[in-house]
Amino acid sequence: METVLSGIRSTGNLHLGNYFGALKNFVQMQHSERCFFFIADYHSLTTHPDPSILHGNVKNVLSEYLAAGLDPDVATIYVQSDVPEVTELSLLLSMHAYVGELERTASFKDKIRKQADNVNIGLLGYPVLMASDILQHRATRVPIGKDQEQHLELTRRFARRFNQFYQVEYFPECQAYTFGGELVKIPGLDGSGKMGKSEGNGIYLSDSDAAIRKKVMRAVTDSGPVAPDSPMPEVIANLFTLLKVVSTPDTVEHFTTLWNRCEIRYGDLKKQLAEDIIGVIAPIRERIESIAGDEAYLSRVVKQGAEKARASASQTVADVRRIMGIKPF
């Protein structure tokens, strides 16, 4: 049985990229693998979120995890900050993480461009904390998107470096879990890149029908195909990528044929896309609203999850301390 770990930053709500990128598959995976799912509130602190809304964001993500089908009686579902062992492990691993390799990560370079006035140590050490999230449970599989491949490679590097330095075979080298295919990257509605909270281009599992229609109708397009069977520019290919994950094959074929014939009308495409997205999201949204209102249930879930996660993480930290020579008198 594999040990699988995945986390979502607590910066608000889950979007279609989270759902189709991995979450939909987690519902099935949790019954066959040893799974840990966590809400990464420590990671979100690198951008200095408003303290008055941080807990609400955690609650949102937890409710959406559960509404999407994750079962706390089968999988371990927890809040990152409820497992303090992860911070100690991050400190211990940081002794073997070097500034140069952290500064070269694509995500760090991107973030310092976007938040030049907030280049903090937490941002630089983000890959180390992410590695600790994974290694505290000695996970062997991690479902990630394309943008996290470099961080996962760093996790493997840290694991190898630790094992080699202390001449042990303790940490496994985790691999990306692709659910039998390529890593999934759901595009946003702004014409390029991935769907994400910080990019402001997402459709969220909690969005109303009206909000979904409005967002999709405002999606970036172009002036249309210039010749039959011409290649799609990125902005249009992105819409078709979304269409493929929410619509029936015959719907995709219909609009592909219209594109190839230079007969496509983007308004019709967007209307169809919006309704198909609503068909996916509306049932989940209804469950989110019901779960979010049950404070006692949410409290039980996170307490149970923290106990299970700490049991796993505390053993790892104890082992790492011993391997590194930190021993009680």
Protein backbone atom coordinates (compact mmCIF):
# COMPACT_ATOMS: atom_id res chain seq x y z
CA MET A 1 0.00 0.00 0.00
CA GLU A 2 1.36 3.43 -0.98
CA THR A 3 1.42 6.40 1.39
CA VAL A 4 -0.08 9.36 -0.46
CA LEU A 5 -0.06 12.98 0.69
CA SER A 6 -1.64 16.11 -0.73
CA GLY A 7 -2.25 19.60 0.59
CA ILE A 8 -4.13 22.74 -0.35
CA ARG A 9 -3.10 26.22 0.77
CA SER A 10 -5.75 27.86 2.92
CA THR A 11 -6.06 30.99 0.80
CA GLY A 12 -9.79 30.79 0.27
CA ASN A 13 -11.78 28.31 -1.77
CA LEU A 14 -10.99 25.30 -3.91
CA HIS A 15 -11.39 25.81 -7.65
CA LEU A 16 -11.86 23.62 -10.71
CA GLY A 17 -8.10 23.24 -11.04
CA ASN A 18 -7.93 21.64 -7.58
CA TYR A 19 -10.95 19.46 -8.27
CA PHE A 20 -9.97 18.07 -11.65
CA GLY A 21 -6.24 18.29 -10.99
CA ALA A 22 -6.41 15.77 -8.17
CA LEU A 23 -9.31 16.02 -5.73
CA LYS A 24 -11.74 14.02 -7.84
CA ASN A 25 -9.25 11.17 -7.90
CA PHE A 26 -8.59 11.35 -4.17
CA VAL A 27 -12.13 10.22 -3.46
CA GLN A 28 -11.34 6.89 -5.11
CA MET A 29 -7.73 6.67 -3.96
CA GLN A 30 -8.54 7.03 -0.25
CA HIS A 31 -10.07 3.56 -0.23
CA SER A 32 -7.00 1.80 -1.62
CA GLU A 33 -4.02 3.77 -0.25
CA ARG A 34 -2.84 5.24 3.05
CA CYS A 35 -3.82 8.85 2.41
CA PHE A 36 -3.09 12.13 4.18
CA PHE A 37 -4.86 15.33 3.09
CA PHE A 38 -4.02 18.58 4.81
CA ILE A 39 -4.86 22.27 4.72
CA ALA A 40 -1.66 24.28 4.48
CA ASP A 41 -2.27 27.31 6.66
CA TYR A 42 1.43 27.74 7.50
CA HIS A 43 2.26 27.95 3.79
CA SER A 44 -0.34 30.66 3.29
CA LEU A 45 1.45 32.91 5.81
CA THR A 46 4.20 33.67 3.27
CA THR A 47 1.84 36.19 1.67
CA HIS A 48 0.70 37.71 5.02
CA PRO A 49 -3.04 36.93 4.80
CA ASP A 50 -5.50 38.94 6.88
CA PRO A 51 -5.57 37.25 10.33
CA SER A 52 -9.30 37.93 10.61
CA ILE A 53 -10.08 35.69 7.63
CA LEU A 54 -7.42 32.98 7.91
CA HIS A 55 -9.52 30.64 10.07
CA GLY A 56 -12.51 31.16 7.79
CA ASN A 57 -10.36 30.18 4.83
CA VAL A 58 -9.31 26.98 6.60
CA LYS A 59 -12.96 26.20 7.33
CA ASN A 60 -13.87 26.79 3.68
CA VAL A 61 -11.23 24.40 2.39
CA LEU A 62 -12.12 21.76 4.98
CA SER A 63 -15.80 21.95 4.08
CA GLU A 64 -14.96 21.67 0.39
CA TYR A 65 -12.66 18.69 0.94
CA LEU A 66 -15.50 16.89 2.70
CA ALA A 67 -18.15 17.99 0.22
CA ALA A 68 -16.04 16.65 -2.65
CA GLY A 69 -16.12 13.21 -1.05
CA LEU A 70 -13.10 12.83 1.23
CA ASP A 71 -13.99 10.59 4.17
CA PRO A 72 -12.34 11.39 7.54
CA ASP A 73 -13.04 7.84 8.72
CA VAL A 74 -10.99 6.44 5.84
CA ALA A 75 -8.31 9.06 5.13
CA THR A 76 -6.41 11.38 7.48
CA ILE A 77 -7.65 14.96 7.00
CA TYR A 78 -5.94 17.61 9.09
CA VAL A 79 -4.87 21.24 9.41
CA GLN A 80 -1.12 21.78 8.99
CA SER A 81 -0.75 23.96 12.09
CA ASP A 82 -2.39 21.27 14.23
CA VAL A 83 0.71 19.12 13.68
CA PRO A 84 3.63 21.07 15.21
CA GLU A 85 6.05 18.25 14.36
CA VAL A 86 6.17 19.57 10.81
CA THR A 87 7.89 22.77 11.93
CA GLU A 88 10.58 20.91 13.86
CA LEU A 89 11.21 18.61 10.93
CA SER A 90 11.42 21.64 8.64
CA LEU A 91 14.07 23.16 10.91
CA LEU A 92 16.06 19.93 10.98
CA LEU A 93 15.88 19.48 7.20
CA SER A 94 16.86 23.11 6.64
CA MET A 95 20.32 22.28 7.98
CA HIS A 96 20.85 20.39 4.73
CA ALA A 97 19.06 22.81 2.38
CA TYR A 98 21.22 25.44 0.72
CA VAL A 99 20.32 29.04 -0.01
CA GLY A 100 21.46 28.89 -3.62
CA GLU A 101 19.23 25.97 -4.57
CA LEU A 102 16.23 27.60 -2.88
CA GLU A 103 16.83 30.92 -4.63
CA ARG A 104 16.89 29.16 -8.01
CA THR A 105 13.40 27.69 -7.72
CA ALA A 106 10.99 29.02 -10.33
CA SER A 107 8.27 29.66 -7.75
CA PHE A 108 10.60 31.81 -5.60
CA LYS A 109 11.69 33.87 -8.60
CA ASP A 110 8.06 34.34 -9.60
CA LYS A 111 6.96 35.35 -6.10
CA ILE A 112 9.72 37.93 -5.60
CA ARG A 113 8.65 39.56 -8.85
CA LYS A 114 5.04 39.70 -7.66
CA GLN A 115 5.70 40.69 -4.04
CA ALA A 116 9.04 42.49 -4.15
CA ASP A 117 8.32 44.22 -0.84
CA ASN A 118 7.66 40.94 0.98
CA VAL A 119 10.53 38.57 0.24
CA ASN A 120 10.55 36.74 3.56
CA ILE A 121 12.45 33.73 4.91
CA GLY A 122 9.27 31.67 4.89
CA LEU A 123 8.96 32.27 1.15
CA LEU A 124 12.56 31.21 0.55
CA GLY A 125 12.14 28.14 2.75
CA TYR A 126 8.77 27.16 1.26
CA PRO A 127 10.24 24.05 -0.45
CA VAL A 128 11.74 22.88 2.85
CA LEU A 129 8.42 23.12 4.65
CA MET A 130 6.74 21.38 1.72
CA ALA A 131 9.35 18.63 1.92
CA SER A 132 8.60 18.29 5.62
CA ASP A 133 4.89 17.98 4.91
CA ILE A 134 5.72 15.00 2.72
CA LEU A 135 8.58 13.41 4.61
CA GLN A 136 6.94 13.55 8.05
CA HIS A 137 4.64 10.77 6.83
CA ARG A 138 7.36 9.22 4.65
CA ALA A 139 4.98 9.56 1.72
CA THR A 140 5.81 7.67 -1.46
CA ARG A 141 3.30 9.37 -3.79
CA VAL A 142 2.33 13.03 -4.03
CA PRO A 143 -0.38 14.21 -6.46
CA ILE A 144 0.86 17.55 -7.81
CA GLY A 145 0.40 19.90 -10.73
CA LYS A 146 3.08 20.89 -13.21
CA ASP A 147 4.01 23.96 -11.17
CA GLN A 148 5.02 21.82 -8.19
CA GLU A 149 7.34 19.40 -10.02
CA GLN A 150 10.46 21.37 -9.06
CA HIS A 151 9.46 21.38 -5.38
CA LEU A 152 8.91 17.64 -5.47
CA GLU A 153 12.35 17.15 -7.00
CA LEU A 154 13.80 19.20 -4.14
CA THR A 155 11.99 16.93 -1.68
CA ARG A 156 13.66 13.92 -3.28
CA ARG A 157 17.00 15.73 -3.17
CA PHE A 158 16.61 16.52 0.53
CA ALA A 159 15.67 12.89 1.23
CA ARG A 160 18.71 11.58 -0.68
CA ARG A 161 21.01 14.10 0.95
CA PHE A 162 19.79 13.18 4.43
CA ASN A 163 20.15 9.45 3.76
CA GLN A 164 23.62 9.83 2.26
CA PHE A 165 24.93 12.23 4.89
CA TYR A 166 23.84 10.03 7.81
CA GLN A 167 24.40 6.76 5.92
CA VAL A 168 20.86 5.52 6.44
CA GLU A 169 17.99 4.46 4.22
CA TYR A 170 15.29 6.27 6.12
CA PHE A 171 13.40 8.62 3.82
CA PRO A 172 11.83 7.22 0.63
CA GLU A 173 12.15 9.24 -2.57
CA CYS A 174 8.56 10.21 -3.29
CA GLN A 175 7.21 10.30 -6.82
CA ALA A 176 4.51 12.35 -8.50
CA TYR A 177 1.16 10.57 -8.51
CA THR A 178 -0.33 11.16 -11.94
CA PHE A 179 -3.32 8.83 -11.69
CA GLY A 180 -2.02 6.87 -14.65
CA GLY A 181 -1.50 9.84 -16.96
CA GLU A 182 0.35 13.12 -17.36
CA LEU A 183 0.28 15.73 -14.62
CA VAL A 184 -2.93 17.73 -14.95
CA LYS A 185 -2.90 21.50 -15.37
CA ILE A 186 -6.29 23.18 -15.54
CA PRO A 187 -6.02 26.61 -17.23
CA GLY A 188 -7.55 29.82 -15.97
CA LEU A 189 -9.97 32.09 -17.77
CA ASP A 190 -7.46 34.85 -18.47
CA GLY A 191 -5.98 33.17 -21.52
CA SER A 192 -2.80 31.71 -20.11
CA GLY A 193 -1.26 29.87 -17.19
CA LYS A 194 -2.95 27.76 -14.56
CA MET A 195 -6.15 28.35 -12.67
CA GLY A 196 -5.36 29.75 -9.25
CA LYS A 197 -6.41 31.98 -6.39
CA SER A 198 -3.52 34.42 -6.70
CA GLU A 199 -4.01 34.69 -10.45
CA GLY A 200 -7.65 35.75 -10.00
CA ASN A 201 -8.73 33.56 -12.91
CA GLY A 202 -10.53 30.72 -11.16
CA ILE A 203 -13.98 29.18 -10.94
CA TYR A 204 -14.60 28.02 -7.38
CA LEU A 205 -16.57 25.09 -6.03
CA SER A 206 -18.60 27.54 -3.96
CA ASP A 207 -19.42 29.91 -6.87
CA SER A 208 -23.08 30.58 -7.61
CA ASP A 209 -24.56 29.73 -11.00
CA ALA A 210 -24.70 33.43 -11.84
CA ALA A 211 -21.07 33.96 -10.88
CA ILE A 212 -19.97 31.03 -13.05
CA ARG A 213 -21.85 32.32 -16.08
CA LYS A 214 -20.42 35.80 -15.62
CA LYS A 215 -16.84 34.55 -15.29
CA VAL A 216 -17.04 32.24 -18.30
CA MET A 217 -18.64 34.82 -20.55
CA ARG A 218 -15.77 37.19 -19.74
CA ALA A 219 -13.10 34.60 -20.58
CA VAL A 220 -10.41 35.80 -22.98
CA THR A 221 -10.83 34.83 -26.65
CA ASP A 222 -9.52 36.07 -30.01
CA SER A 223 -11.00 37.13 -33.35
CA GLY A 224 -11.57 33.53 -34.50
CA PRO A 225 -9.84 30.96 -36.75
CA VAL A 226 -8.22 32.38 -39.86
CA ALA A 227 -8.38 29.21 -41.97
CA PRO A 228 -9.92 25.72 -41.81
CA ASP A 229 -8.10 23.33 -39.45
CA SER A 230 -5.82 26.11 -38.24
CA PRO A 231 -4.02 25.55 -34.90
CA MET A 232 -5.70 26.98 -31.83
CA PRO A 233 -3.99 29.85 -30.03
CA GLU A 234 -3.44 29.30 -26.32
CA VAL A 235 -6.43 31.36 -25.20
CA ILE A 236 -8.81 29.16 -27.22
CA ALA A 237 -7.05 25.90 -26.47
CA ASN A 238 -7.54 26.71 -22.79
CA LEU A 239 -11.31 26.94 -23.24
CA PHE A 240 -11.31 23.60 -25.02
CA THR A 241 -9.25 22.08 -22.20
CA LEU A 242 -11.95 23.16 -19.75
CA LEU A 243 -14.63 21.85 -22.11
CA LYS A 244 -12.97 18.42 -22.21
CA VAL A 245 -13.09 18.01 -18.42
CA VAL A 246 -16.69 19.12 -17.84
CA SER A 247 -18.56 18.31 -21.06
CA THR A 248 -19.56 15.17 -22.93
CA PRO A 249 -17.33 13.92 -25.78
CA ASP A 250 -19.98 14.77 -28.37
CA THR A 251 -20.10 18.37 -27.12
CA VAL A 252 -16.34 18.65 -27.46
CA GLU A 253 -16.47 17.13 -30.92
CA HIS A 254 -19.26 19.52 -31.95
CA PHE A 255 -17.30 22.67 -31.08
CA THR A 256 -14.05 21.25 -32.43
CA THR A 257 -15.74 20.68 -35.76
CA LEU A 258 -17.08 24.25 -35.76
CA TRP A 259 -13.57 25.54 -35.07
CA ASN A 260 -12.06 23.50 -37.89
CA ARG A 261 -14.73 24.79 -40.27
CA CYS A 262 -14.21 28.41 -39.18
CA GLU A 263 -17.85 28.46 -38.07
CA ILE A 264 -17.39 28.71 -34.32
CA ARG A 265 -19.19 31.38 -32.31
CA TYR A 266 -17.42 31.97 -29.03
CA GLY A 267 -20.61 33.13 -27.34
CA ASP A 268 -22.22 29.73 -27.96
CA LEU A 269 -19.09 27.93 -26.79
CA LYS A 270 -18.98 29.93 -23.57
CA LYS A 271 -22.66 29.43 -22.83
CA GLN A 272 -22.29 25.67 -23.19
CA LEU A 273 -19.12 25.65 -21.11
CA ALA A 274 -20.77 27.65 -18.33
CA GLU A 275 -23.76 25.31 -18.11
CA ASP A 276 -21.57 22.22 -18.07
CA ILE A 277 -19.41 23.70 -15.31
CA ILE A 278 -22.56 24.45 -13.31
CA GLY A 279 -23.63 20.84 -13.76
CA VAL A 280 -20.42 19.75 -12.02
CA ILE A 281 -20.27 22.40 -9.30
CA ALA A 282 -23.89 22.87 -8.18
CA PRO A 283 -24.21 19.52 -6.30
CA ILE A 284 -20.86 20.08 -4.57
CA ARG A 285 -21.82 23.64 -3.61
CA GLU A 286 -24.99 22.40 -1.94
CA ARG A 287 -22.99 19.92 0.15
CA ILE A 288 -20.46 22.61 1.07
CA GLU A 289 -23.21 24.84 2.46
CA SER A 290 -24.60 22.00 4.55
CA ILE A 291 -21.24 20.89 5.96
CA ALA A 292 -19.97 24.41 6.68
CA GLY A 293 -22.94 24.98 8.96
CA ASP A 294 -22.12 21.98 11.16
CA GLU A 295 -19.42 23.33 13.48
CA ALA A 296 -19.48 20.28 15.76
CA TYR A 297 -18.83 17.93 12.85
CA LEU A 298 -15.95 20.04 11.51
CA SER A 299 -14.40 20.17 14.98
CA ARG A 300 -14.54 16.39 15.28
CA VAL A 301 -12.98 15.93 11.86
CA VAL A 302 -9.94 18.15 12.51
CA LYS A 303 -9.37 16.74 16.01
CA GLN A 304 -9.47 13.18 14.70
CA GLY A 305 -7.23 14.10 11.79
CA ALA A 306 -4.67 15.85 14.00
CA GLU A 307 -4.40 12.83 16.28
CA LYS A 308 -3.76 10.49 13.36
CA ALA A 309 -1.33 12.85 11.64
CA ARG A 310 0.65 13.53 14.82
CA ALA A 311 0.99 9.83 15.52
CA SER A 312 2.69 9.46 12.14
CA ALA A 313 4.75 12.67 12.28
CA SER A 314 5.96 12.28 15.88
CA GLN A 315 7.55 8.93 15.08
CA THR A 316 9.37 10.45 12.11
CA VAL A 317 10.67 13.41 14.12
CA ALA A 318 11.84 11.09 16.90
CA ASP A 319 13.71 8.98 14.35
CA VAL A 320 15.27 12.00 12.65
CA ARG A 321 16.41 13.48 15.97
CA ARG A 322 18.07 10.18 16.87
CA ILE A 323 19.73 9.84 13.46
CA MET A 324 21.07 13.40 13.67
CA GLY A 325 22.46 12.75 17.15
CA ILE A 326 19.90 14.63 19.25
CA LYS A 327 19.33 12.31 22.20
CA PRO A 328 17.94 12.69 25.72
CA PHE A 329 20.24 12.40 28.74
